[in-house]
Amino acid sequence: AFHIKRLDCTDFMPWLVLVAFLLTSSADGTPIKFAALPFNLSDVTLAPGSLYAEMENRNFELLLSLEDDRLLCLYMAAANLSGTFAKPTCKPYDHPRYWGHYLGHYLSATAMSYQSAPAVVADHIRTKSAGVVAALGRAQDAWTRKGAGYEGFLYPYDRVSFDRLFKAPFRNCDPVCVPFYVMHKMMAGLLDQYSRAGNSQAFKMVTAMASWVKPEVEAILARPNGEAQWQSVLNTEWGGMNEVLYNLYAITGDSNHLVLGKYFNHYQWTAPLAIGQDDLDASHGNTGGNHANTHIPEIIGSARGYELTGNSTQNKIASNFFSIVTTAHTFATGGSNDHEHWGKPHRMGYQLDSDTEESCTTYNILKVARHLYEWSADAGLADFFERALLNGMMGNQNRLNPNMTRFIYMLPLGGVVRKPWSDSNRGFPCCWGTLSEQFSKLGDSIMFRSPENDVLYVNFFASASLDWPERGYTVSLDAGAFPASMTSTGTIKIEHVSRRDNEAWTLMVRVPYWALSGRNAAT
């Protein structure tokens, strides 16, 4: 048994001893064996005219409508390619507290859209995003020409923001906020452009960014008391740096990327979870509770680390977190948090107000649930995914104005009588980025397959068709009036379009938790 005590930088050793034990007692091994695997977005086509297709199409329109020079403005100005950061010759899209974040989300969203959109639209999206990547490449080259300390650097401000974060008193927002959070979004977007849209330049750029990050982190760790100083750096929101580095490692096989991903482990957050302790209300010092969207991306990274290495501690961190948050901190909608923070467990009624359930957090908890589902094929996780997606995401896009999509930052569960809609091409808070991604990939969790391709799981009831290339089948799902109707009849049509595979396989259709009280029939 371990006693978790309050932590500050002058009293670090008990915590480090605990975490060292947790990490060394579950050494890395081989990648795990998955129970269920997703299909590529390009294998799934949403039924034309269906609700989900309409939502994706509206999102494609938004992504294509945004102007390249405004998307790129801060990155180009910071590299002195469009004026300067202080006096840009362009007008940026972006939020003033975390400059530059949306463009990374945009690259991820357009990469997903390339896979999910109809061919003509997909080609337009790919061409547009390739132009954005090329411009960012020029910005990265301009930084690299500055010499030592800038090779591979790409950020919408000079590295001074990192330098001030890296040294005591480890200041954030000096002068711009959450540097690693913004850098993660860009790295993830570039990696998605490579893995989903085949952009080889984007791959070179994200690899160069990782090469910039590693010596910067290791220089901190090499200082006297360097581990404690690095943990102080990680007190500032850093997005999913571990996840993108693990994903990069999965492609490159370069152990440097694996090691770098492991550096992004905030012990004050992960150590209690590793031993199953609920510290979401921040009993160890964060007044007002832990900030939800600071920490859920780290959980996604822990899940990805477990998948690639079999590290059991990372498994426990992710699994225990999901169990804790869903049983003690989650509303009926599947979302959590109030004013972006978690409170005391089992006290959800006290948190009902107009600032509940930040969209980013629901987006990211869906990603956690999806990882856990792939490990187990547990239908209960698919139940949660459906509940959170339908209640916490699908209603966050407003298409009533034909000229402009609207989004919401928070889903208010109390205190107001209407949703706080805002135009999706203004302001660009963090949730505009995650919502742009969500509505680019609505087909990603409808159906899964077993690794041996002998089981097809139908998890989510949305009208869509699947091209199952490994088996030579097409599978069409007509969800009927669901979810608009309380009763619905769905049909699944299976066609063998290729004779390359005649072996039997099993169709598994999820019976939802909410459908158990009445009569259900399969014919």
Protein backbone atom coordinates (compact mmCIF):
# COMPACT_ATOMS: atom_id res chain seq x y z
CA ALA A 1 0.00 0.00 0.00
CA PHE A 2 1.13 3.54 -0.70
CA HIS A 3 0.15 6.80 0.91
CA ILE A 4 -0.24 9.55 -1.66
CA LYS A 5 0.67 12.84 -0.08
CA ARG A 6 0.45 16.45 -1.10
CA LEU A 7 3.23 17.39 -3.46
CA ASP A 8 5.33 20.40 -4.27
CA CYS A 9 8.72 20.77 -5.89
CA THR A 10 10.51 20.79 -2.54
CA ASP A 11 9.03 17.47 -1.48
CA PHE A 12 9.29 15.32 -4.57
CA MET A 13 11.03 12.13 -3.50
CA PRO A 14 8.07 10.13 -2.09
CA TRP A 15 6.19 10.69 -5.32
CA LEU A 16 9.14 9.79 -7.51
CA VAL A 17 9.78 6.60 -5.53
CA LEU A 18 6.15 5.61 -6.05
CA VAL A 19 6.18 6.30 -9.77
CA ALA A 20 9.57 4.65 -10.27
CA PHE A 21 8.12 1.53 -8.67
CA LEU A 22 5.03 1.66 -10.84
CA LEU A 23 6.99 2.07 -14.05
CA THR A 24 9.76 -0.43 -13.38
CA SER A 25 7.40 -3.09 -12.06
CA SER A 26 5.70 -3.29 -15.47
CA ALA A 27 8.47 -3.18 -18.01
CA ASP A 28 7.71 -2.68 -21.69
CA GLY A 29 7.20 -5.78 -23.76
CA THR A 30 5.43 -6.42 -27.03
CA PRO A 31 2.41 -4.69 -28.52
CA ILE A 32 -0.90 -5.97 -27.23
CA LYS A 33 -3.32 -8.21 -29.10
CA PHE A 34 -6.47 -6.26 -29.88
CA ALA A 35 -9.95 -7.74 -29.53
CA ALA A 36 -11.53 -5.41 -32.11
CA LEU A 37 -10.11 -3.22 -34.84
CA PRO A 38 -11.68 -0.19 -36.53
CA PHE A 39 -12.13 0.14 -40.24
CA ASN A 40 -10.52 2.95 -42.17
CA LEU A 41 -12.77 5.95 -42.59
CA SER A 42 -12.46 5.43 -46.34
CA ASP A 43 -14.10 1.99 -45.98
CA VAL A 44 -17.28 3.46 -44.48
CA THR A 45 -19.78 5.61 -46.40
CA LEU A 46 -22.56 7.39 -44.56
CA ALA A 47 -25.91 7.05 -46.31
CA PRO A 48 -26.66 10.12 -48.45
CA GLY A 49 -29.39 12.23 -46.88
CA SER A 50 -28.93 10.67 -43.44
CA LEU A 51 -28.48 12.86 -40.37
CA TYR A 52 -24.84 11.86 -40.02
CA ALA A 53 -24.05 12.53 -43.67
CA GLU A 54 -25.69 15.95 -43.45
CA MET A 55 -23.61 16.81 -40.39
CA GLU A 56 -20.39 15.73 -42.07
CA ASN A 57 -21.23 17.58 -45.28
CA ARG A 58 -21.86 20.77 -43.36
CA ASN A 59 -18.49 20.35 -41.68
CA PHE A 60 -16.78 19.85 -45.03
CA GLU A 61 -18.29 23.16 -46.15
CA LEU A 62 -16.91 24.88 -43.06
CA LEU A 63 -13.40 23.50 -43.56
CA LEU A 64 -13.34 24.52 -47.22
CA SER A 65 -14.67 28.00 -46.45
CA LEU A 66 -11.83 29.01 -44.12
CA GLU A 67 -9.18 31.19 -45.76
CA ASP A 68 -5.66 29.78 -45.97
CA ASP A 69 -3.86 33.02 -45.19
CA ARG A 70 -5.93 33.56 -42.05
CA LEU A 71 -5.40 29.98 -40.90
CA LEU A 72 -1.65 30.34 -41.44
CA CYS A 73 -1.31 33.94 -40.32
CA LEU A 74 0.30 33.51 -36.90
CA TYR A 75 2.72 30.81 -38.02
CA MET A 76 3.84 32.78 -41.05
CA ALA A 77 4.10 36.07 -39.13
CA ALA A 78 6.09 34.50 -36.30
CA ALA A 79 8.58 33.19 -38.89
CA ASN A 80 8.72 36.71 -40.44
CA LEU A 81 7.10 35.48 -43.65
CA SER A 82 3.97 37.62 -43.32
CA GLY A 83 5.05 40.66 -41.41
CA THR A 84 5.93 39.89 -37.79
CA PHE A 85 3.97 38.52 -34.86
CA ALA A 86 3.68 42.03 -33.45
CA LYS A 87 2.65 43.47 -36.83
CA PRO A 88 1.28 40.71 -39.07
CA THR A 89 0.22 41.59 -42.58
CA CYS A 90 -2.66 39.12 -42.29
CA LYS A 91 -5.72 38.78 -40.06
CA PRO A 92 -5.56 35.55 -38.00
CA TYR A 93 -8.25 33.12 -37.05
CA ASP A 94 -7.50 32.03 -33.50
CA HIS A 95 -8.13 32.41 -29.83
CA PRO A 96 -5.93 34.98 -28.05
CA ARG A 97 -5.07 32.72 -25.09
CA TYR A 98 -3.71 29.80 -27.07
CA TRP A 99 -2.53 31.19 -30.37
CA GLY A 100 -2.14 28.72 -33.21
CA HIS A 101 -4.03 25.75 -31.80
CA TYR A 102 -6.85 25.65 -34.36
CA LEU A 103 -4.61 25.09 -37.37
CA GLY A 104 -3.41 21.79 -35.93
CA HIS A 105 -7.01 20.68 -35.40
CA TYR A 106 -7.77 21.86 -38.92
CA LEU A 107 -5.06 19.64 -40.38
CA SER A 108 -6.44 16.65 -38.48
CA ALA A 109 -10.01 17.45 -39.52
CA THR A 110 -9.12 17.84 -43.18
CA ALA A 111 -7.09 14.63 -43.15
CA MET A 112 -10.09 12.76 -41.72
CA SER A 113 -12.37 14.52 -44.20
CA TYR A 114 -10.21 13.39 -47.10
CA GLN A 115 -10.98 9.81 -46.07
CA SER A 116 -14.68 10.30 -45.33
CA ALA A 117 -15.87 12.83 -47.92
CA PRO A 118 -17.24 12.05 -51.39
CA ALA A 119 -14.46 11.86 -53.98
CA VAL A 120 -14.83 15.32 -55.52
CA VAL A 121 -15.04 17.04 -52.14
CA ALA A 122 -12.18 14.92 -50.82
CA ASP A 123 -9.92 16.05 -53.64
CA HIS A 124 -10.67 19.71 -52.90
CA ILE A 125 -9.97 19.19 -49.21
CA ARG A 126 -6.71 17.34 -49.88
CA THR A 127 -5.48 20.04 -52.27
CA LYS A 128 -6.35 22.81 -49.81
CA SER A 129 -4.70 21.12 -46.83
CA ALA A 130 -1.61 20.25 -48.89
CA GLY A 131 -1.19 23.95 -49.64
CA VAL A 132 -1.40 24.74 -45.93
CA VAL A 133 1.22 22.09 -45.13
CA ALA A 134 3.54 23.46 -47.81
CA ALA A 135 3.28 26.96 -46.34
CA LEU A 136 4.00 25.62 -42.85
CA GLY A 137 7.01 23.87 -44.33
CA ARG A 138 8.35 27.24 -45.43
CA ALA A 139 7.81 28.58 -41.91
CA GLN A 140 9.65 25.64 -40.39
CA ASP A 141 12.53 26.13 -42.83
CA ALA A 142 12.71 29.81 -41.88
CA TRP A 143 13.02 28.90 -38.18
CA THR A 144 15.62 26.23 -38.94
CA ARG A 145 17.78 28.76 -40.77
CA LYS A 146 18.12 30.65 -37.49
CA GLY A 147 20.47 27.90 -36.34
CA ALA A 148 21.04 26.24 -32.98
CA GLY A 149 17.91 25.81 -30.88
CA TYR A 150 15.58 26.25 -33.85
CA GLU A 151 16.19 23.18 -36.03
CA GLY A 152 12.78 21.65 -36.67
CA PHE A 153 10.99 24.32 -34.60
CA LEU A 154 7.45 25.23 -35.72
CA TYR A 155 5.30 27.40 -33.53
CA PRO A 156 3.28 30.64 -33.86
CA TYR A 157 5.70 32.57 -31.68
CA ASP A 158 9.40 32.63 -30.90
CA ARG A 159 10.77 29.90 -28.63
CA VAL A 160 10.87 32.39 -25.75
CA SER A 161 7.49 31.02 -24.64
CA PHE A 162 9.11 27.64 -24.11
CA ASP A 163 12.25 29.11 -22.56
CA ARG A 164 10.24 30.87 -19.86
CA LEU A 165 8.18 27.76 -19.21
CA PHE A 166 11.36 25.66 -18.92
CA LYS A 167 12.93 27.73 -16.11
CA ALA A 168 11.81 28.59 -12.59
CA PRO A 169 9.24 29.90 -11.84
CA PHE A 170 8.01 27.91 -14.92
CA ARG A 171 5.74 30.65 -16.17
CA ASN A 172 2.83 29.97 -18.53
CA CYS A 173 1.32 32.70 -20.74
CA ASP A 174 4.62 34.53 -20.94
CA PRO A 175 3.93 35.89 -23.43
CA VAL A 176 1.63 33.27 -25.06
CA CYS A 177 -0.10 30.35 -23.39
CA VAL A 178 0.23 26.56 -23.21
CA PRO A 179 3.10 26.07 -25.67
CA PHE A 180 3.15 22.26 -25.64
CA TYR A 181 -0.65 22.14 -25.96
CA VAL A 182 -0.42 24.14 -29.18
CA MET A 183 2.59 22.18 -30.42
CA HIS A 184 0.74 18.90 -29.85
CA LYS A 185 -2.13 20.04 -32.04
CA MET A 186 0.26 20.89 -34.86
CA MET A 187 2.22 17.65 -34.55
CA ALA A 188 -0.98 15.59 -34.46
CA GLY A 189 -2.36 17.45 -37.47
CA LEU A 190 0.80 16.89 -39.50
CA LEU A 191 0.91 13.22 -38.57
CA ASP A 192 -2.74 12.83 -39.59
CA GLN A 193 -1.95 14.52 -42.89
CA TYR A 194 0.67 11.85 -43.49
CA SER A 195 -1.16 8.78 -42.20
CA ARG A 196 -4.60 9.66 -43.58
CA ALA A 197 -3.92 11.88 -46.61
CA GLY A 198 -0.51 10.56 -47.68
CA ASN A 199 1.35 13.87 -47.36
CA SER A 200 5.04 12.92 -47.11
CA GLN A 201 6.14 16.51 -46.45
CA ALA A 202 3.96 16.55 -43.33
CA PHE A 203 5.73 13.42 -42.08
CA LYS A 204 9.16 15.02 -42.47
CA MET A 205 7.94 18.09 -40.63
CA VAL A 206 6.47 16.27 -37.62
CA THR A 207 9.59 14.14 -37.35
CA ALA A 208 11.69 17.31 -37.32
CA MET A 209 9.47 18.77 -34.59
CA ALA A 210 10.01 15.67 -32.45
CA SER A 211 13.74 16.10 -32.98
CA TRP A 212 13.45 19.64 -31.65
CA VAL A 213 11.48 18.57 -28.56
CA LYS A 214 13.76 15.75 -27.39
CA PRO A 215 16.95 17.70 -26.59
CA GLU A 216 14.90 20.48 -25.01
CA VAL A 217 13.27 18.03 -22.59
CA GLU A 218 16.49 16.15 -21.91
CA ALA A 219 18.32 19.38 -21.13
CA ILE A 220 15.82 20.00 -18.34
CA LEU A 221 16.08 16.43 -17.06
CA ALA A 222 19.89 16.72 -17.00
CA ARG A 223 19.81 19.60 -14.50
CA PRO A 224 20.26 19.06 -10.77
CA ASN A 225 16.79 18.12 -9.55
CA GLY A 226 15.85 17.96 -13.22
CA GLU A 227 13.03 15.45 -12.82
CA ALA A 228 11.25 17.74 -10.37
CA GLN A 229 11.76 20.71 -12.69
CA TRP A 230 10.34 18.75 -15.63
CA GLN A 231 7.29 17.86 -13.54
CA SER A 232 6.87 21.57 -12.87
CA VAL A 233 6.85 22.18 -16.61
CA LEU A 234 4.14 19.51 -16.96
CA ASN A 235 1.94 21.46 -14.53
CA THR A 236 1.08 23.60 -17.57
CA GLU A 237 -1.43 22.02 -19.96
CA TRP A 238 0.43 20.08 -22.64
CA GLY A 239 -2.28 18.38 -24.66
CA GLY A 240 -1.54 14.85 -25.86
CA MET A 241 2.18 15.14 -26.52
CA ASN A 242 2.62 11.56 -25.31
CA GLU A 243 -0.04 10.27 -27.71
CA VAL A 244 1.35 11.93 -30.83
CA LEU A 245 4.88 10.75 -30.00
CA TYR A 246 3.67 7.19 -29.46
CA ASN A 247 1.79 7.37 -32.75
CA LEU A 248 4.94 8.63 -34.43
CA TYR A 249 6.88 5.73 -32.89
CA ALA A 250 4.29 3.29 -34.28
CA ILE A 251 5.19 4.50 -37.77
CA THR A 252 8.94 5.04 -37.46
CA GLY A 253 9.94 2.34 -35.01
CA ASP A 254 12.47 4.88 -33.73
CA SER A 255 13.01 4.26 -30.01
CA ASN A 256 13.76 7.99 -29.53
CA HIS A 257 10.10 8.70 -30.18
CA LEU A 258 9.03 6.06 -27.66
CA VAL A 259 11.37 7.45 -25.00
CA LEU A 260 10.18 10.98 -25.68
CA GLY A 261 6.55 9.93 -25.33
CA LYS A 262 7.33 8.45 -21.92
CA TYR A 263 8.82 11.75 -20.71
CA PHE A 264 5.35 13.29 -20.94
CA ASN A 265 4.00 11.64 -17.81
CA HIS A 266 2.69 13.97 -15.10
CA TYR A 267 3.17 11.91 -11.97
CA GLN A 268 0.91 13.98 -9.76
CA TRP A 269 -1.93 13.03 -12.09
CA THR A 270 -1.07 9.48 -13.19
CA ALA A 271 0.30 7.95 -9.98
CA PRO A 272 -3.01 7.96 -8.06
CA LEU A 273 -4.77 6.50 -11.10
CA ALA A 274 -2.19 3.74 -11.42
CA ILE A 275 -3.23 2.44 -8.00
CA GLY A 276 -6.95 3.10 -8.53
CA GLN A 277 -7.28 6.22 -6.40
CA ASP A 278 -9.86 8.85 -7.38
CA ASP A 279 -8.03 12.17 -7.31
CA LEU A 280 -10.09 13.89 -9.99
CA ASP A 281 -11.21 16.52 -7.51
CA ALA A 282 -7.50 17.31 -6.97
CA SER A 283 -7.12 16.45 -3.33
CA HIS A 284 -3.40 17.07 -3.89
CA GLY A 285 -3.49 20.76 -4.53
CA ASN A 286 -5.36 22.00 -7.62
CA THR A 287 -7.92 24.33 -6.09
CA GLY A 288 -11.27 23.84 -7.78
CA GLY A 289 -10.54 20.35 -9.05
CA ASN A 290 -8.37 19.00 -11.83
CA HIS A 291 -8.85 20.67 -15.21
CA ALA A 292 -10.51 17.96 -17.27
CA ASN A 293 -9.16 18.68 -20.73
CA THR A 294 -5.63 19.06 -19.44
CA HIS A 295 -5.70 15.46 -18.28
CA ILE A 296 -7.96 13.39 -20.55
CA PRO A 297 -5.50 13.73 -23.48
CA GLU A 298 -2.76 12.34 -21.23
CA ILE A 299 -4.99 9.32 -20.58
CA ILE A 300 -5.35 8.80 -24.33
CA GLY A 301 -1.55 8.82 -24.52
CA SER A 302 -1.30 6.26 -21.71
CA ALA A 303 -3.74 4.04 -23.58
CA ARG A 304 -1.69 4.31 -26.76
CA GLY A 305 1.53 3.62 -24.86
CA TYR A 306 0.01 0.43 -23.46
CA GLU A 307 -1.07 -0.70 -26.92
CA LEU A 308 2.42 -0.32 -28.32
CA THR A 309 4.43 -1.72 -25.39
CA GLY A 310 2.11 -3.80 -23.22
CA ASN A 311 3.12 -1.69 -20.19
CA SER A 312 0.63 -2.75 -17.53
CA THR A 313 0.90 0.48 -15.54
CA GLN A 314 -0.25 2.49 -18.52
CA ASN A 315 -3.14 0.06 -18.87
CA LYS A 316 -4.10 0.67 -15.24
CA ILE A 317 -3.86 4.44 -15.61
CA ALA A 318 -6.27 4.44 -18.56
CA SER A 319 -8.63 1.74 -17.28
CA ASN A 320 -8.84 3.09 -13.74
CA PHE A 321 -9.42 6.62 -15.00
CA PHE A 322 -12.31 5.55 -17.21
CA SER A 323 -13.89 3.56 -14.41
CA ILE A 324 -13.52 6.43 -11.93
CA VAL A 325 -14.76 9.19 -14.21
CA THR A 326 -17.77 7.25 -15.51
CA THR A 327 -18.94 5.94 -12.13
CA ALA A 328 -18.34 8.99 -9.95
CA HIS A 329 -18.03 12.12 -12.11
CA THR A 330 -20.28 11.70 -15.16
CA PHE A 331 -23.70 13.13 -15.98
CA ALA A 332 -26.47 11.08 -17.60
CA THR A 333 -25.37 12.48 -20.95
CA GLY A 334 -22.00 10.72 -20.74
CA GLY A 335 -20.11 13.98 -20.24
CA SER A 336 -18.43 15.35 -17.15
CA ASN A 337 -16.97 18.51 -15.51
CA ASP A 338 -18.30 21.90 -14.47
CA HIS A 339 -16.47 25.07 -15.54
CA GLU A 340 -13.99 22.64 -17.16
CA HIS A 341 -13.04 21.05 -13.79
CA TRP A 342 -14.02 17.92 -11.91
CA GLY A 343 -15.51 18.19 -8.46
CA LYS A 344 -16.17 15.84 -5.57
CA PRO A 345 -17.24 12.32 -6.58
CA HIS A 346 -20.96 11.51 -6.62
CA ARG A 347 -21.92 15.17 -6.21
CA MET A 348 -23.11 15.84 -9.75
CA GLY A 349 -26.26 17.69 -8.71
CA TYR A 350 -24.18 20.47 -7.20
CA GLN A 351 -22.44 20.99 -10.54
CA LEU A 352 -25.54 21.59 -12.67
CA ASP A 353 -25.24 25.06 -14.18
CA SER A 354 -24.73 26.73 -17.53
CA ASP A 355 -21.05 25.78 -17.84
CA THR A 356 -21.12 21.99 -17.76
CA GLU A 357 -19.69 19.36 -20.09
CA GLU A 358 -17.07 21.12 -22.19
CA SER A 359 -17.22 19.80 -25.77
CA CYS A 360 -13.49 19.07 -25.86
CA THR A 361 -13.76 16.78 -22.87
CA THR A 362 -16.59 14.74 -24.35
CA TYR A 363 -14.66 14.44 -27.60
CA ASN A 364 -11.63 13.14 -25.73
CA ILE A 365 -13.51 10.77 -23.39
CA LEU A 366 -14.96 9.19 -26.54
CA LYS A 367 -11.41 8.53 -27.68
CA VAL A 368 -10.60 6.87 -24.34
CA ALA A 369 -13.71 4.66 -24.58
CA ARG A 370 -12.78 3.69 -28.13
CA HIS A 371 -9.29 2.59 -27.08
CA LEU A 372 -10.70 0.48 -24.25
CA TYR A 373 -13.27 -1.06 -26.59
CA GLU A 374 -10.54 -2.14 -28.98
CA TRP A 375 -8.83 -4.00 -26.14
CA SER A 376 -11.92 -5.93 -25.05
CA ALA A 377 -14.80 -5.67 -27.57
CA ASP A 378 -16.96 -5.01 -24.49
CA ALA A 379 -20.43 -3.93 -25.61
CA GLY A 380 -20.77 -1.85 -22.45
CA LEU A 381 -18.08 0.48 -23.78
CA ALA A 382 -19.98 0.78 -27.06
CA ASP A 383 -23.08 1.65 -25.00
CA PHE A 384 -21.16 4.47 -23.34
CA PHE A 385 -19.79 5.66 -26.69
CA GLU A 386 -23.30 5.87 -28.13
CA ARG A 387 -24.65 7.71 -25.09
CA ALA A 388 -21.87 10.29 -25.02
CA LEU A 389 -21.85 10.83 -28.79
CA LEU A 390 -25.60 11.26 -29.16
CA ASN A 391 -26.09 13.38 -26.04
CA GLY A 392 -22.81 15.25 -25.78
CA MET A 393 -21.61 15.76 -29.37
CA MET A 394 -24.31 15.44 -32.02
CA GLY A 395 -26.31 18.35 -30.65
CA ASN A 396 -23.31 20.67 -30.59
CA GLN A 397 -23.50 21.51 -34.28
CA ASN A 398 -26.24 23.93 -35.37
CA ARG A 399 -27.16 23.88 -39.08
CA LEU A 400 -30.29 26.08 -38.91
CA ASN A 401 -28.50 28.99 -40.60
CA PRO A 402 -27.76 27.80 -44.16
CA ASN A 403 -24.83 30.19 -44.41
CA MET A 404 -22.93 29.42 -41.23
CA THR A 405 -22.55 26.43 -38.94
CA ARG A 406 -22.68 27.24 -35.22
CA PHE A 407 -20.98 25.41 -32.33
CA ILE A 408 -21.21 25.42 -28.56
CA TYR A 409 -18.28 25.38 -26.15
CA MET A 410 -20.26 24.08 -23.17
CA LEU A 411 -23.35 21.89 -23.13
CA PRO A 412 -25.39 23.56 -20.34
CA LEU A 413 -27.24 21.03 -18.21
CA GLY A 414 -28.68 23.63 -15.85
CA GLY A 415 -29.11 27.35 -15.33
CA VAL A 416 -30.12 28.41 -18.86
CA VAL A 417 -33.01 27.84 -21.25
CA ARG A 418 -31.06 27.81 -24.50
CA LYS A 419 -27.70 26.71 -25.83
CA PRO A 420 -24.96 29.36 -26.12
CA TRP A 421 -24.38 29.10 -29.88
CA SER A 422 -21.52 30.94 -31.61
CA ASP A 423 -20.45 31.08 -35.24
CA SER A 424 -17.90 28.41 -36.10
CA ASN A 425 -15.71 30.86 -38.03
CA ARG A 426 -15.22 33.30 -35.15
CA GLY A 427 -13.28 33.25 -31.91
CA PHE A 428 -11.91 29.72 -32.37
CA PRO A 429 -11.78 28.46 -28.79
CA CYS A 430 -10.43 24.97 -28.22
CA CYS A 431 -13.79 23.27 -28.79
CA TRP A 432 -14.04 24.63 -32.32
CA GLY A 433 -11.01 22.47 -33.05
CA THR A 434 -12.33 19.25 -31.50
CA LEU A 435 -15.80 19.76 -33.03
CA SER A 436 -14.20 20.29 -36.45
CA GLU A 437 -12.52 16.92 -35.96
CA GLN A 438 -15.60 15.13 -34.57
CA PHE A 439 -17.82 16.05 -37.51
CA SER A 440 -15.15 14.85 -39.93
CA LYS A 441 -15.23 11.26 -38.68
CA LEU A 442 -18.78 10.25 -37.78
CA GLY A 443 -18.30 6.89 -39.50
CA ASP A 444 -15.27 5.80 -37.47
CA SER A 445 -17.01 3.68 -34.81
CA ILE A 446 -20.10 2.25 -36.50
CA MET A 447 -18.52 -1.14 -37.20
CA PHE A 448 -15.40 -2.98 -36.06
CA ARG A 449 -13.81 -6.31 -37.00
CA SER A 450 -11.81 -8.94 -35.19
CA PRO A 451 -8.07 -9.08 -35.95
CA GLU A 452 -8.65 -12.40 -37.72
CA ASN A 453 -11.48 -10.91 -39.82
CA ASP A 454 -13.84 -13.64 -38.65
CA VAL A 455 -16.18 -11.38 -36.64
CA LEU A 456 -17.95 -8.18 -37.67
CA TYR A 457 -19.25 -6.01 -34.82
CA VAL A 458 -22.11 -3.61 -35.52
CA ASN A 459 -21.90 -1.14 -32.64
CA PHE A 460 -23.53 2.10 -33.61
CA PHE A 461 -26.86 2.46 -35.37
CA ALA A 462 -26.28 4.93 -38.20
CA SER A 463 -27.24 4.38 -41.81
CA ALA A 464 -24.01 3.57 -43.62
CA SER A 465 -22.31 1.03 -45.85
CA LEU A 466 -19.04 -0.78 -45.29
CA ASP A 467 -16.59 -2.07 -47.86
CA TRP A 468 -14.85 -4.92 -46.06
CA PRO A 469 -11.84 -5.41 -48.30
CA GLU A 470 -10.25 -8.25 -46.32
CA ARG A 471 -13.36 -10.43 -46.81
CA GLY A 472 -14.76 -9.14 -50.07
CA TYR A 473 -18.12 -8.14 -48.60
CA THR A 474 -20.18 -5.00 -48.50
CA VAL A 475 -22.38 -4.51 -45.46
CA SER A 476 -25.17 -1.92 -45.56
CA LEU A 477 -26.89 -0.73 -42.39
CA ASP A 478 -30.21 1.11 -42.52
CA ALA A 479 -30.89 2.46 -39.03
CA GLY A 480 -34.45 3.49 -39.86
CA ALA A 481 -35.73 6.43 -37.82
CA PHE A 482 -33.19 6.00 -35.02
CA PRO A 483 -32.36 8.08 -32.98
CA ALA A 484 -35.29 10.40 -33.69
CA SER A 485 -37.92 7.73 -33.00
CA MET A 486 -38.49 5.79 -29.77
CA THR A 487 -39.15 2.68 -31.86
CA SER A 488 -37.20 1.77 -34.95
CA THR A 489 -36.61 -1.11 -37.31
CA GLY A 490 -33.11 -1.43 -38.71
CA THR A 491 -31.92 -3.65 -41.52
CA ILE A 492 -28.49 -5.05 -42.36
CA LYS A 493 -27.80 -6.16 -45.93
CA ILE A 494 -24.74 -8.27 -46.66
CA GLU A 495 -23.41 -8.81 -50.18
CA HIS A 496 -20.49 -11.01 -51.20
CA VAL A 497 -18.92 -8.90 -53.93
CA SER A 498 -15.71 -10.90 -54.31
CA ARG A 499 -15.10 -14.64 -54.41
CA ARG A 500 -11.68 -14.37 -52.86
CA ASP A 501 -12.96 -15.48 -49.46
CA ASN A 502 -15.73 -18.00 -48.80
CA GLU A 503 -14.94 -18.82 -45.16
CA ALA A 504 -17.67 -18.34 -42.57
CA TRP A 505 -17.67 -15.34 -40.28
CA THR A 506 -19.84 -14.13 -37.41
CA LEU A 507 -22.03 -11.04 -37.31
CA MET A 508 -22.31 -9.50 -33.82
CA VAL A 509 -24.96 -6.79 -33.39
CA ARG A 510 -24.95 -4.82 -30.14
CA VAL A 511 -28.17 -4.96 -28.14
CA PRO A 512 -28.18 -1.52 -26.46
CA TYR A 513 -28.55 -1.22 -22.72
CA TRP A 514 -31.63 0.95 -23.24
CA ALA A 515 -33.41 -1.70 -25.36
CA LEU A 516 -33.64 -4.47 -22.77
CA SER A 517 -37.03 -3.63 -21.21
CA GLY A 518 -39.15 -4.27 -24.28
CA ARG A 519 -39.36 -6.80 -27.08
CA ASN A 520 -36.42 -6.92 -29.46
CA ALA A 521 -36.29 -9.22 -32.43
CA ALA A 522 -33.81 -10.17 -35.13
CA THR A 523 -35.20 -11.86 -38.23
